[in-house]
Amino acid sequence: MGLTLDELRDGDKTMQVNGLGVLVGEQDSHYTEGIEVDYIDDYRGKGLVINTGHSC
């Protein structure tokens, strides 16, 4: 069983990023261009890092 943070709804898109299944709402799909997902394990800790290429 995989980790699920939301359920698929009409209009949603699914994509694979570095082997990770990602569910994207229809209104947010333009944010996924160039997305990078990585897992880190270093002096800062462990966890997922998501880089969208967009500045905050």
N, C-alpha and C. Protein backbone atom coordinates (compact mmCIF):
# COMPACT_ATOMS: atom_id res chain seq x y z
N MET A 1 0.84 -1.18 0.00
CA MET A 1 0.00 0.00 0.00
C MET A 1 0.89 1.24 0.00
N GLY A 2 0.53 2.25 -0.78
CA GLY A 2 1.31 3.47 -0.86
C GLY A 2 0.71 4.58 -0.01
N LEU A 3 1.48 5.61 0.18
CA LEU A 3 1.03 6.79 0.90
C LEU A 3 0.04 7.56 0.04
N THR A 4 -1.09 7.91 0.60
CA THR A 4 -2.10 8.67 -0.12
C THR A 4 -2.41 9.94 0.65
N LEU A 5 -2.29 11.08 -0.01
CA LEU A 5 -2.59 12.35 0.62
C LEU A 5 -3.91 12.93 0.13
N ASP A 6 -4.43 12.38 -0.96
CA ASP A 6 -5.70 12.86 -1.50
C ASP A 6 -6.27 11.78 -2.40
N GLU A 7 -7.50 11.93 -2.78
CA GLU A 7 -8.18 10.99 -3.66
C GLU A 7 -8.34 11.61 -5.05
N LEU A 8 -8.30 10.78 -6.08
CA LEU A 8 -8.47 11.22 -7.46
C LEU A 8 -9.88 11.74 -7.68
N ARG A 9 -9.98 12.92 -8.28
CA ARG A 9 -11.28 13.53 -8.59
C ARG A 9 -11.34 13.80 -10.08
N ASP A 10 -12.54 14.03 -10.60
CA ASP A 10 -12.71 14.35 -12.02
C ASP A 10 -11.85 15.55 -12.38
N GLY A 11 -11.11 15.45 -13.49
CA GLY A 11 -10.28 16.53 -13.96
C GLY A 11 -8.85 16.48 -13.43
N ASP A 12 -8.61 15.68 -12.36
CA ASP A 12 -7.26 15.56 -11.82
C ASP A 12 -6.37 14.79 -12.78
N LYS A 13 -5.08 15.03 -12.68
CA LYS A 13 -4.10 14.34 -13.52
C LYS A 13 -3.13 13.60 -12.62
N THR A 14 -2.67 12.46 -13.08
CA THR A 14 -1.63 11.73 -12.36
C THR A 14 -0.37 11.73 -13.22
N MET A 15 0.77 11.80 -12.58
CA MET A 15 2.03 11.78 -13.30
C MET A 15 3.07 11.07 -12.46
N GLN A 16 4.12 10.62 -13.09
CA GLN A 16 5.24 9.99 -12.41
C GLN A 16 6.42 10.95 -12.40
N VAL A 17 6.97 11.20 -11.22
CA VAL A 17 8.14 12.06 -11.07
C VAL A 17 9.18 11.25 -10.31
N ASN A 18 10.26 10.88 -11.00
CA ASN A 18 11.32 10.07 -10.39
C ASN A 18 10.75 8.81 -9.74
N GLY A 19 9.77 8.18 -10.37
CA GLY A 19 9.19 6.95 -9.85
C GLY A 19 8.13 7.16 -8.78
N LEU A 20 7.81 8.39 -8.46
CA LEU A 20 6.81 8.71 -7.44
C LEU A 20 5.53 9.14 -8.13
N GLY A 21 4.41 8.51 -7.78
CA GLY A 21 3.12 8.90 -8.34
C GLY A 21 2.65 10.19 -7.70
N VAL A 22 2.29 11.16 -8.55
CA VAL A 22 1.86 12.48 -8.07
C VAL A 22 0.48 12.77 -8.63
N LEU A 23 -0.42 13.18 -7.77
CA LEU A 23 -1.78 13.55 -8.15
C LEU A 23 -1.86 15.07 -8.17
N VAL A 24 -2.30 15.63 -9.30
CA VAL A 24 -2.33 17.08 -9.47
C VAL A 24 -3.74 17.52 -9.83
N GLY A 25 -4.25 18.49 -9.08
CA GLY A 25 -5.55 19.05 -9.38
C GLY A 25 -5.52 19.80 -10.70
N GLU A 26 -6.63 19.77 -11.40
CA GLU A 26 -6.71 20.38 -12.73
C GLU A 26 -6.25 21.84 -12.73
N GLN A 27 -6.65 22.61 -11.73
CA GLN A 27 -6.31 24.03 -11.70
C GLN A 27 -4.84 24.29 -11.37
N ASP A 28 -4.12 23.26 -10.87
CA ASP A 28 -2.71 23.42 -10.50
C ASP A 28 -1.74 22.76 -11.47
N SER A 29 -2.23 22.18 -12.54
CA SER A 29 -1.37 21.41 -13.43
C SER A 29 -0.27 22.25 -14.08
N HIS A 30 -0.48 23.55 -14.25
CA HIS A 30 0.56 24.39 -14.85
C HIS A 30 1.78 24.54 -13.95
N TYR A 31 1.65 24.24 -12.64
CA TYR A 31 2.78 24.32 -11.72
C TYR A 31 3.73 23.12 -11.83
N THR A 32 3.32 22.08 -12.52
CA THR A 32 4.11 20.85 -12.56
C THR A 32 5.19 20.84 -13.63
N GLU A 33 5.22 21.82 -14.50
CA GLU A 33 6.25 21.86 -15.53
C GLU A 33 7.62 22.03 -14.89
N GLY A 34 8.52 21.09 -15.16
CA GLY A 34 9.86 21.15 -14.62
C GLY A 34 10.01 20.73 -13.18
N ILE A 35 8.98 20.11 -12.59
CA ILE A 35 9.03 19.71 -11.19
C ILE A 35 10.08 18.62 -10.97
N GLU A 36 10.79 18.71 -9.85
CA GLU A 36 11.76 17.70 -9.44
C GLU A 36 11.43 17.26 -8.02
N VAL A 37 11.44 15.96 -7.79
CA VAL A 37 11.20 15.41 -6.46
C VAL A 37 12.42 14.57 -6.10
N ASP A 38 12.94 14.80 -4.90
CA ASP A 38 14.13 14.08 -4.45
C ASP A 38 13.95 13.71 -2.99
N TYR A 39 14.70 12.71 -2.54
CA TYR A 39 14.71 12.32 -1.14
C TYR A 39 16.10 12.62 -0.60
N ILE A 40 16.17 13.35 0.51
CA ILE A 40 17.46 13.66 1.09
C ILE A 40 17.64 12.94 2.42
N ASP A 41 18.87 12.65 2.74
CA ASP A 41 19.25 12.05 4.02
C ASP A 41 20.64 12.60 4.32
N ASP A 42 20.67 13.77 4.98
CA ASP A 42 21.94 14.41 5.27
C ASP A 42 21.88 15.06 6.65
N TYR A 43 22.82 15.95 6.94
CA TYR A 43 22.90 16.58 8.26
C TYR A 43 21.64 17.37 8.63
N ARG A 44 20.84 17.76 7.64
CA ARG A 44 19.60 18.51 7.91
C ARG A 44 18.45 17.60 8.27
N GLY A 45 18.57 16.31 7.96
CA GLY A 45 17.51 15.36 8.24
C GLY A 45 17.16 14.54 7.02
N LYS A 46 16.04 13.87 7.11
CA LYS A 46 15.55 13.02 6.02
C LYS A 46 14.20 13.53 5.55
N GLY A 47 13.94 13.41 4.26
CA GLY A 47 12.63 13.78 3.77
C GLY A 47 12.62 14.10 2.29
N LEU A 48 11.42 14.35 1.80
CA LEU A 48 11.24 14.70 0.39
C LEU A 48 11.52 16.19 0.18
N VAL A 49 12.15 16.47 -0.94
CA VAL A 49 12.39 17.84 -1.37
C VAL A 49 11.70 18.00 -2.71
N ILE A 50 10.85 18.99 -2.82
CA ILE A 50 10.13 19.24 -4.07
C ILE A 50 10.56 20.59 -4.61
N ASN A 51 11.14 20.58 -5.80
CA ASN A 51 11.60 21.80 -6.45
C ASN A 51 10.75 22.02 -7.70
N THR A 52 10.03 23.12 -7.73
CA THR A 52 9.18 23.41 -8.88
C THR A 52 9.84 24.30 -9.91
N GLY A 53 10.96 24.89 -9.54
CA GLY A 53 11.61 25.82 -10.44
C GLY A 53 11.01 27.20 -10.40
N HIS A 54 9.93 27.37 -9.64
CA HIS A 54 9.28 28.68 -9.49
C HIS A 54 9.80 29.34 -8.23
N SER A 55 10.07 30.63 -8.27
CA SER A 55 10.51 31.32 -7.07
C SER A 55 9.32 31.59 -6.16
N CYS A 56 9.60 31.69 -4.88
CA CYS A 56 8.55 31.95 -3.87
C CYS A 56 8.34 33.41 -3.68
